[in-house]
Amino acid sequence: MLTDIPAAEFEVTLDYDVDPAARREIEEVKQLNAAARRAVDEASRQSRAVVHDLRQRGLSVREIGVMLGITASRVSQLGKDKATA
């Protein structure tokens, strides 16, 4: 900004000087967080599929909520989501 160069024309990268053990711990946390995101995505996908299947079998959103341990409104949200694959 002080050089009158538009912000879109450069990138700032911060590099912290930490020891190798800390770098390994940081990388492990990043990997765990990525694995957690993948697990949440898979749980959501399977939840949508199960809700769809159970609704097709005639169960109410309340019944499904009790079975899955989620609220009836969450069941409704999952049932409206088109991505059941």
PDB file of N, CA and C in Angstrom:
ATOM      1  N   MET A   1       0.816  -1.187   0.000  1.00  0.00           N
ATOM      2  CA  MET A   1       0.000   0.000   0.000  1.00  0.00           C
ATOM      3  C   MET A   1       0.867   1.260   0.000  1.00  0.00           C
ATOM      4  N   LEU A   2       1.967   1.197   0.701  1.00  0.00           N
ATOM      5  CA  LEU A   2       2.847   2.356   0.746  1.00  0.00           C
ATOM      6  C   LEU A   2       3.561   2.585  -0.576  1.00  0.00           C
ATOM      7  N   THR A   3       3.639   1.560  -1.401  1.00  0.00           N
ATOM      8  CA  THR A   3       4.330   1.684  -2.686  1.00  0.00           C
ATOM      9  C   THR A   3       3.375   1.996  -3.827  1.00  0.00           C
ATOM     10  N   ASP A   4       2.106   2.151  -3.524  1.00  0.00           N
ATOM     11  CA  ASP A   4       1.070   2.407  -4.530  1.00  0.00           C
ATOM     12  C   ASP A   4       0.868   1.242  -5.495  1.00  0.00           C
ATOM     13  N   ILE A   5       1.295   0.059  -5.083  1.00  0.00           N
ATOM     14  CA  ILE A   5       1.045  -1.151  -5.872  1.00  0.00           C
ATOM     15  C   ILE A   5      -0.295  -1.710  -5.404  1.00  0.00           C
ATOM     16  N   PRO A   6      -1.215  -1.979  -6.333  1.00  0.00           N
ATOM     17  CA  PRO A   6      -2.517  -2.535  -5.933  1.00  0.00           C
ATOM     18  C   PRO A   6      -2.350  -3.860  -5.179  1.00  0.00           C
ATOM     19  N   ALA A   7      -3.147  -4.050  -4.157  1.00  0.00           N
ATOM     20  CA  ALA A   7      -3.047  -5.251  -3.317  1.00  0.00           C
ATOM     21  C   ALA A   7      -3.217  -6.536  -4.117  1.00  0.00           C
ATOM     22  N   ALA A   8      -3.982  -6.494  -5.193  1.00  0.00           N
ATOM     23  CA  ALA A   8      -4.203  -7.691  -6.001  1.00  0.00           C
ATOM     24  C   ALA A   8      -2.961  -8.113  -6.780  1.00  0.00           C
ATOM     25  N   GLU A   9      -1.942  -7.270  -6.821  1.00  0.00           N
ATOM     26  CA  GLU A   9      -0.758  -7.569  -7.618  1.00  0.00           C
ATOM     27  C   GLU A   9       0.401  -8.158  -6.822  1.00  0.00           C
ATOM     28  N   PHE A  10       0.199  -8.376  -5.534  1.00  0.00           N
ATOM     29  CA  PHE A  10       1.263  -9.014  -4.755  1.00  0.00           C
ATOM     30  C   PHE A  10       0.655  -9.875  -3.664  1.00  0.00           C
ATOM     31  N   GLU A  11       1.485 -10.720  -3.106  1.00  0.00           N
ATOM     32  CA  GLU A  11       1.054 -11.637  -2.058  1.00  0.00           C
ATOM     33  C   GLU A  11       2.052 -11.569  -0.913  1.00  0.00           C
ATOM     34  N   VAL A  12       1.545 -11.594   0.288  1.00  0.00           N
ATOM     35  CA  VAL A  12       2.397 -11.592   1.477  1.00  0.00           C
ATOM     36  C   VAL A  12       2.351 -12.981   2.086  1.00  0.00           C
ATOM     37  N   THR A  13       3.505 -13.552   2.321  1.00  0.00           N
ATOM     38  CA  THR A  13       3.605 -14.858   2.945  1.00  0.00           C
ATOM     39  C   THR A  13       4.360 -14.716   4.254  1.00  0.00           C
ATOM     40  N   LEU A  14       3.757 -15.221   5.333  1.00  0.00           N
ATOM     41  CA  LEU A  14       4.423 -15.194   6.630  1.00  0.00           C
ATOM     42  C   LEU A  14       5.083 -16.548   6.857  1.00  0.00           C
ATOM     43  N   ASP A  15       6.309 -16.530   7.273  1.00  0.00           N
ATOM     44  CA  ASP A  15       7.032 -17.764   7.563  1.00  0.00           C
ATOM     45  C   ASP A  15       7.602 -17.633   8.965  1.00  0.00           C
ATOM     46  N   TYR A  16       7.111 -18.479   9.863  1.00  0.00           N
ATOM     47  CA  TYR A  16       7.543 -18.423  11.247  1.00  0.00           C
ATOM     48  C   TYR A  16       8.762 -19.296  11.455  1.00  0.00           C
ATOM     49  N   ASP A  17       9.699 -18.782  12.209  1.00  0.00           N
ATOM     50  CA  ASP A  17      10.925 -19.506  12.502  1.00  0.00           C
ATOM     51  C   ASP A  17      10.712 -20.340  13.766  1.00  0.00           C
ATOM     52  N   VAL A  18      10.265 -21.591  13.557  1.00  0.00           N
ATOM     53  CA  VAL A  18      10.053 -22.497  14.689  1.00  0.00           C
ATOM     54  C   VAL A  18      10.902 -23.738  14.488  1.00  0.00           C
ATOM     55  N   ASP A  19      11.145 -24.417  15.581  1.00  0.00           N
ATOM     56  CA  ASP A  19      12.008 -25.599  15.518  1.00  0.00           C
ATOM     57  C   ASP A  19      11.294 -26.755  14.801  1.00  0.00           C
ATOM     58  N   PRO A  20      12.066 -27.752  14.354  1.00  0.00           N
ATOM     59  CA  PRO A  20      11.487 -28.874  13.597  1.00  0.00           C
ATOM     60  C   PRO A  20      10.385 -29.619  14.350  1.00  0.00           C
ATOM     61  N   ALA A  21      10.502 -29.746  15.671  1.00  0.00           N
ATOM     62  CA  ALA A  21       9.470 -30.450  16.437  1.00  0.00           C
ATOM     63  C   ALA A  21       8.148 -29.692  16.354  1.00  0.00           C
ATOM     64  N   ALA A  22       8.200 -28.381  16.470  1.00  0.00           N
ATOM     65  CA  ALA A  22       6.985 -27.569  16.376  1.00  0.00           C
ATOM     66  C   ALA A  22       6.406 -27.661  14.975  1.00  0.00           C
ATOM     67  N   ARG A  23       7.250 -27.670  13.952  1.00  0.00           N
ATOM     68  CA  ARG A  23       6.758 -27.802  12.570  1.00  0.00           C
ATOM     69  C   ARG A  23       6.031 -29.128  12.384  1.00  0.00           C
ATOM     70  N   ARG A  24       6.574 -30.200  12.969  1.00  0.00           N
ATOM     71  CA  ARG A  24       5.912 -31.509  12.884  1.00  0.00           C
ATOM     72  C   ARG A  24       4.556 -31.472  13.589  1.00  0.00           C
ATOM     73  N   GLU A  25       4.499 -30.845  14.748  1.00  0.00           N
ATOM     74  CA  GLU A  25       3.235 -30.737  15.480  1.00  0.00           C
ATOM     75  C   GLU A  25       2.213 -29.926  14.683  1.00  0.00           C
ATOM     76  N   ILE A  26       2.659 -28.851  14.073  1.00  0.00           N
ATOM     77  CA  ILE A  26       1.772 -28.023  13.244  1.00  0.00           C
ATOM     78  C   ILE A  26       1.232 -28.838  12.083  1.00  0.00           C
ATOM     79  N   GLU A  27       2.103 -29.577  11.419  1.00  0.00           N
ATOM     80  CA  GLU A  27       1.675 -30.398  10.283  1.00  0.00           C
ATOM     81  C   GLU A  27       0.696 -31.477  10.732  1.00  0.00           C
ATOM     82  N   GLU A  28       0.941 -32.074  11.897  1.00  0.00           N
ATOM     83  CA  GLU A  28       0.039 -33.101  12.419  1.00  0.00           C
ATOM     84  C   GLU A  28      -1.348 -32.509  12.690  1.00  0.00           C
ATOM     85  N   VAL A  29      -1.396 -31.326  13.269  1.00  0.00           N
ATOM     86  CA  VAL A  29      -2.676 -30.663  13.527  1.00  0.00           C
ATOM     87  C   VAL A  29      -3.394 -30.378  12.215  1.00  0.00           C
ATOM     88  N   LYS A  30      -2.673 -29.908  11.217  1.00  0.00           N
ATOM     89  CA  LYS A  30      -3.283 -29.648   9.909  1.00  0.00           C
ATOM     90  C   LYS A  30      -3.880 -30.929   9.327  1.00  0.00           C
ATOM     91  N   GLN A  31      -3.139 -32.028   9.427  1.00  0.00           N
ATOM     92  CA  GLN A  31      -3.624 -33.302   8.899  1.00  0.00           C
ATOM     93  C   GLN A  31      -4.845 -33.792   9.668  1.00  0.00           C
ATOM     94  N   LEU A  32      -4.836 -33.636  10.991  1.00  0.00           N
ATOM     95  CA  LEU A  32      -5.985 -34.038  11.801  1.00  0.00           C
ATOM     96  C   LEU A  32      -7.214 -33.205  11.456  1.00  0.00           C
ATOM     97  N   ASN A  33      -7.024 -31.908  11.265  1.00  0.00           N
ATOM     98  CA  ASN A  33      -8.143 -31.042  10.893  1.00  0.00           C
ATOM     99  C   ASN A  33      -8.699 -31.414   9.527  1.00  0.00           C
ATOM    100  N   ALA A  34      -7.834 -31.730   8.586  1.00  0.00           N
ATOM    101  CA  ALA A  34      -8.282 -32.146   7.259  1.00  0.00           C
ATOM    102  C   ALA A  34      -9.062 -33.460   7.348  1.00  0.00           C
ATOM    103  N   ALA A  35      -8.575 -34.396   8.155  1.00  0.00           N
ATOM    104  CA  ALA A  35      -9.268 -35.672   8.335  1.00  0.00           C
ATOM    105  C   ALA A  35     -10.628 -35.455   9.000  1.00  0.00           C
ATOM    106  N   ALA A  36     -10.694 -34.540   9.949  1.00  0.00           N
ATOM    107  CA  ALA A  36     -11.962 -34.239  10.617  1.00  0.00           C
ATOM    108  C   ALA A  36     -12.964 -33.647   9.622  1.00  0.00           C
ATOM    109  N   ARG A  37     -12.505 -32.749   8.756  1.00  0.00           N
ATOM    110  CA  ARG A  37     -13.399 -32.175   7.745  1.00  0.00           C
ATOM    111  C   ARG A  37     -13.928 -33.256   6.813  1.00  0.00           C
ATOM    112  N   ARG A  38     -13.033 -34.181   6.407  1.00  0.00           N
ATOM    113  CA  ARG A  38     -13.473 -35.274   5.531  1.00  0.00           C
ATOM    114  C   ARG A  38     -14.495 -36.150   6.247  1.00  0.00           C
ATOM    115  N   ALA A  39     -14.273 -36.430   7.534  1.00  0.00           N
ATOM    116  CA  ALA A  39     -15.206 -37.254   8.300  1.00  0.00           C
ATOM    117  C   ALA A  39     -16.567 -36.568   8.429  1.00  0.00           C
ATOM    118  N   VAL A  40     -16.574 -35.265   8.672  1.00  0.00           N
ATOM    119  CA  VAL A  40     -17.835 -34.520   8.763  1.00  0.00           C
ATOM    120  C   VAL A  40     -18.556 -34.544   7.423  1.00  0.00           C
ATOM    121  N   ASP A  41     -17.816 -34.363   6.334  1.00  0.00           N
ATOM    122  CA  ASP A  41     -18.424 -34.413   5.001  1.00  0.00           C
ATOM    123  C   ASP A  41     -19.054 -35.775   4.739  1.00  0.00           C
ATOM    124  N   GLU A  42     -18.356 -36.840   5.103  1.00  0.00           N
ATOM    125  CA  GLU A  42     -18.871 -38.192   4.889  1.00  0.00           C
ATOM    126  C   GLU A  42     -20.089 -38.453   5.777  1.00  0.00           C
ATOM    127  N   ALA A  43     -20.045 -38.012   7.026  1.00  0.00           N
ATOM    128  CA  ALA A  43     -21.196 -38.178   7.923  1.00  0.00           C
ATOM    129  C   ALA A  43     -22.409 -37.434   7.376  1.00  0.00           C
ATOM    130  N   SER A  44     -22.198 -36.240   6.847  1.00  0.00           N
ATOM    131  CA  SER A  44     -23.299 -35.471   6.271  1.00  0.00           C
ATOM    132  C   SER A  44     -23.879 -36.181   5.053  1.00  0.00           C
ATOM    133  N   ARG A  45     -23.001 -36.693   4.211  1.00  0.00           N
ATOM    134  CA  ARG A  45     -23.468 -37.405   3.017  1.00  0.00           C
ATOM    135  C   ARG A  45     -24.293 -38.625   3.413  1.00  0.00           C
ATOM    136  N   GLN A  46     -23.779 -39.394   4.360  1.00  0.00           N
ATOM    137  CA  GLN A  46     -24.504 -40.588   4.795  1.00  0.00           C
ATOM    138  C   GLN A  46     -25.798 -40.222   5.511  1.00  0.00           C
ATOM    139  N   SER A  47     -25.783 -39.148   6.282  1.00  0.00           N
ATOM    140  CA  SER A  47     -26.999 -38.702   6.961  1.00  0.00           C
ATOM    141  C   SER A  47     -28.081 -38.354   5.954  1.00  0.00           C
ATOM    142  N   ARG A  48     -27.707 -37.629   4.901  1.00  0.00           N
ATOM    143  CA  ARG A  48     -28.677 -37.283   3.864  1.00  0.00           C
ATOM    144  C   ARG A  48     -29.266 -38.542   3.235  1.00  0.00           C
ATOM    145  N   ALA A  49     -28.409 -39.497   2.954  1.00  0.00           N
ATOM    146  CA  ALA A  49     -28.875 -40.736   2.328  1.00  0.00           C
ATOM    147  C   ALA A  49     -29.810 -41.507   3.256  1.00  0.00           C
ATOM    148  N   VAL A  50     -29.466 -41.595   4.533  1.00  0.00           N
ATOM    149  CA  VAL A  50     -30.294 -42.321   5.499  1.00  0.00           C
ATOM    150  C   VAL A  50     -31.632 -41.610   5.683  1.00  0.00           C
ATOM    151  N   VAL A  51     -31.598 -40.285   5.808  1.00  0.00           N
ATOM    152  CA  VAL A  51     -32.846 -39.530   5.953  1.00  0.00           C
ATOM    153  C   VAL A  51     -33.735 -39.772   4.740  1.00  0.00           C
ATOM    154  N   HIS A  52     -33.159 -39.680   3.564  1.00  0.00           N
ATOM    155  CA  HIS A  52     -33.934 -39.913   2.343  1.00  0.00           C
ATOM    156  C   HIS A  52     -34.562 -41.305   2.362  1.00  0.00           C
ATOM    157  N   ASP A  53     -33.776 -42.311   2.695  1.00  0.00           N
ATOM    158  CA  ASP A  53     -34.258 -43.692   2.721  1.00  0.00           C
ATOM    159  C   ASP A  53     -35.376 -43.864   3.755  1.00  0.00           C
ATOM    160  N   LEU A  54     -35.163 -43.344   4.959  1.00  0.00           N
ATOM    161  CA  LEU A  54     -36.160 -43.513   6.012  1.00  0.00           C
ATOM    162  C   LEU A  54     -37.450 -42.736   5.710  1.00  0.00           C
ATOM    163  N   ARG A  55     -37.313 -41.569   5.081  1.00  0.00           N
ATOM    164  CA  ARG A  55     -38.516 -40.822   4.684  1.00  0.00           C
ATOM    165  C   ARG A  55     -39.287 -41.609   3.626  1.00  0.00           C
ATOM    166  N   GLN A  56     -38.566 -42.260   2.706  1.00  0.00           N
ATOM    167  CA  GLN A  56     -39.217 -43.090   1.674  1.00  0.00           C
ATOM    168  C   GLN A  56     -39.967 -44.254   2.317  1.00  0.00           C
ATOM    169  N   ARG A  57     -39.478 -44.712   3.459  1.00  0.00           N
ATOM    170  CA  ARG A  57     -40.128 -45.829   4.167  1.00  0.00           C
ATOM    171  C   ARG A  57     -41.303 -45.353   5.019  1.00  0.00           C
ATOM    172  N   GLY A  58     -41.549 -44.049   5.018  1.00  0.00           N
ATOM    173  CA  GLY A  58     -42.716 -43.528   5.713  1.00  0.00           C
ATOM    174  C   GLY A  58     -42.490 -43.046   7.133  1.00  0.00           C
ATOM    175  N   LEU A  59     -41.263 -42.992   7.593  1.00  0.00           N
ATOM    176  CA  LEU A  59     -41.014 -42.516   8.945  1.00  0.00           C
ATOM    177  C   LEU A  59     -41.121 -40.998   9.002  1.00  0.00           C
ATOM    178  N   SER A  60     -41.530 -40.482  10.136  1.00  0.00           N
ATOM    179  CA  SER A  60     -41.660 -39.036  10.310  1.00  0.00           C
ATOM    180  C   SER A  60     -40.295 -38.419  10.604  1.00  0.00           C
ATOM    181  N   VAL A  61     -40.217 -37.092  10.426  1.00  0.00           N
ATOM    182  CA  VAL A  61     -38.959 -36.412  10.735  1.00  0.00           C
ATOM    183  C   VAL A  61     -38.635 -36.538  12.216  1.00  0.00           C
ATOM    184  N   ARG A  62     -39.673 -36.560  13.055  1.00  0.00           N
ATOM    185  CA  ARG A  62     -39.450 -36.728  14.492  1.00  0.00           C
ATOM    186  C   ARG A  62     -38.844 -38.096  14.810  1.00  0.00           C
ATOM    187  N   GLU A  63     -39.405 -39.125  14.202  1.00  0.00           N
ATOM    188  CA  GLU A  63     -38.894 -40.479  14.427  1.00  0.00           C
ATOM    189  C   GLU A  63     -37.440 -40.602  13.962  1.00  0.00           C
ATOM    190  N   ILE A  64     -37.170 -40.075  12.796  1.00  0.00           N
ATOM    191  CA  ILE A  64     -35.810 -40.138  12.256  1.00  0.00           C
ATOM    192  C   ILE A  64     -34.852 -39.351  13.143  1.00  0.00           C
ATOM    193  N   GLY A  65     -35.299 -38.197  13.622  1.00  0.00           N
ATOM    194  CA  GLY A  65     -34.464 -37.398  14.513  1.00  0.00           C
ATOM    195  C   GLY A  65     -34.080 -38.164  15.765  1.00  0.00           C
ATOM    196  N   VAL A  66     -35.047 -38.868  16.347  1.00  0.00           N
ATOM    197  CA  VAL A  66     -34.763 -39.665  17.539  1.00  0.00           C
ATOM    198  C   VAL A  66     -33.746 -40.758  17.205  1.00  0.00           C
ATOM    199  N   MET A  67     -33.947 -41.415  16.079  1.00  0.00           N
ATOM    200  CA  MET A  67     -33.035 -42.503  15.685  1.00  0.00           C
ATOM    201  C   MET A  67     -31.612 -42.006  15.464  1.00  0.00           C
ATOM    202  N   LEU A  68     -31.476 -40.835  14.822  1.00  0.00           N
ATOM    203  CA  LEU A  68     -30.146 -40.320  14.491  1.00  0.00           C
ATOM    204  C   LEU A  68     -29.563 -39.425  15.574  1.00  0.00           C
ATOM    205  N   GLY A  69     -30.381 -39.078  16.567  1.00  0.00           N
ATOM    206  CA  GLY A  69     -29.897 -38.212  17.628  1.00  0.00           C
ATOM    207  C   GLY A  69     -29.743 -36.762  17.190  1.00  0.00           C
ATOM    208  N   ILE A  70     -30.626 -36.333  16.281  1.00  0.00           N
ATOM    209  CA  ILE A  70     -30.608 -34.953  15.794  1.00  0.00           C
ATOM    210  C   ILE A  70     -32.018 -34.385  15.895  1.00  0.00           C
ATOM    211  N   THR A  71     -32.142 -33.084  15.716  1.00  0.00           N
ATOM    212  CA  THR A  71     -33.460 -32.470  15.808  1.00  0.00           C
ATOM    213  C   THR A  71     -34.275 -32.754  14.552  1.00  0.00           C
ATOM    214  N   ALA A  72     -35.594 -32.644  14.733  1.00  0.00           N
ATOM    215  CA  ALA A  72     -36.489 -32.829  13.591  1.00  0.00           C
ATOM    216  C   ALA A  72     -36.219 -31.777  12.524  1.00  0.00           C
ATOM    217  N   SER A  73     -35.875 -30.563  12.949  1.00  0.00           N
ATOM    218  CA  SER A  73     -35.583 -29.528  11.946  1.00  0.00           C
ATOM    219  C   SER A  73     -34.326 -29.872  11.152  1.00  0.00           C
ATOM    220  N   ARG A  74     -33.349 -30.498  11.805  1.00  0.00           N
ATOM    221  CA  ARG A  74     -32.144 -30.926  11.062  1.00  0.00           C
ATOM    222  C   ARG A  74     -32.497 -32.038  10.078  1.00  0.00           C
ATOM    223  N   VAL A  75     -33.367 -32.925  10.480  1.00  0.00           N
ATOM    224  CA  VAL A  75     -33.829 -33.976   9.569  1.00  0.00           C
ATOM    225  C   VAL A  75     -34.482 -33.339   8.347  1.00  0.00           C
ATOM    226  N   SER A  76     -35.316 -32.326   8.581  1.00  0.00           N
ATOM    227  CA  SER A  76     -35.962 -31.630   7.459  1.00  0.00           C
ATOM    228  C   SER A  76     -34.926 -31.002   6.536  1.00  0.00           C
ATOM    229  N   GLN A  77     -33.911 -30.385   7.131  1.00  0.00           N
ATOM    230  CA  GLN A  77     -32.848 -29.779   6.307  1.00  0.00           C
ATOM    231  C   GLN A  77     -32.150 -30.831   5.468  1.00  0.00           C
ATOM    232  N   LEU A  78     -31.801 -31.949   6.098  1.00  0.00           N
ATOM    233  CA  LEU A  78     -31.106 -33.012   5.373  1.00  0.00           C
ATOM    234  C   LEU A  78     -31.998 -33.590   4.281  1.00  0.00           C
ATOM    235  N   GLY A  79     -33.288 -33.675   4.551  1.00  0.00           N
ATOM    236  CA  GLY A  79     -34.231 -34.220   3.569  1.00  0.00           C
ATOM    237  C   GLY A  79     -34.405 -33.326   2.356  1.00  0.00           C
ATOM    238  N   LYS A  80     -34.203 -32.024   2.538  1.00  0.00           N
ATOM    239  CA  LYS A  80     -34.336 -31.085   1.438  1.00  0.00           C
ATOM    240  C   LYS A  80     -33.078 -31.011   0.589  1.00  0.00           C
ATOM    241  N   ASP A  81     -31.955 -31.436   1.142  1.00  0.00           N
ATOM    242  CA  ASP A  81     -30.683 -31.371   0.434  1.00  0.00           C
ATOM    243  C   ASP A  81     -30.693 -32.386  -0.694  1.00  0.00           C
ATOM    244  N   LYS A  82     -30.393 -31.921  -1.899  1.00  0.00           N
ATOM    245  CA  LYS A  82     -30.460 -32.785  -3.083  1.00  0.00           C
ATOM    246  C   LYS A  82     -29.260 -33.719  -3.211  1.00  0.00           C
ATOM    247  N   ALA A  83     -28.162 -33.443  -2.498  1.00  0.00           N
ATOM    248  CA  ALA A  83     -26.935 -34.231  -2.656  1.00  0.00           C
ATOM    249  C   ALA A  83     -26.987 -35.470  -1.774  1.00  0.00           C
ATOM    250  N   THR A  84     -27.717 -36.489  -2.209  1.00  0.00           N
ATOM    251  CA  THR A  84     -27.808 -37.718  -1.418  1.00  0.00           C
ATOM    252  C   THR A  84     -26.839 -38.785  -1.903  1.00  0.00           C
ATOM    253  N   ALA A  85     -26.041 -38.481  -2.886  1.00  0.00           N
ATOM    254  CA  ALA A  85     -25.096 -39.477  -3.434  1.00  0.00           C
ATOM    255  C   ALA A  85     -23.765 -39.384  -2.747  1.00  0.00           C
TER     256      ALA A  85
END
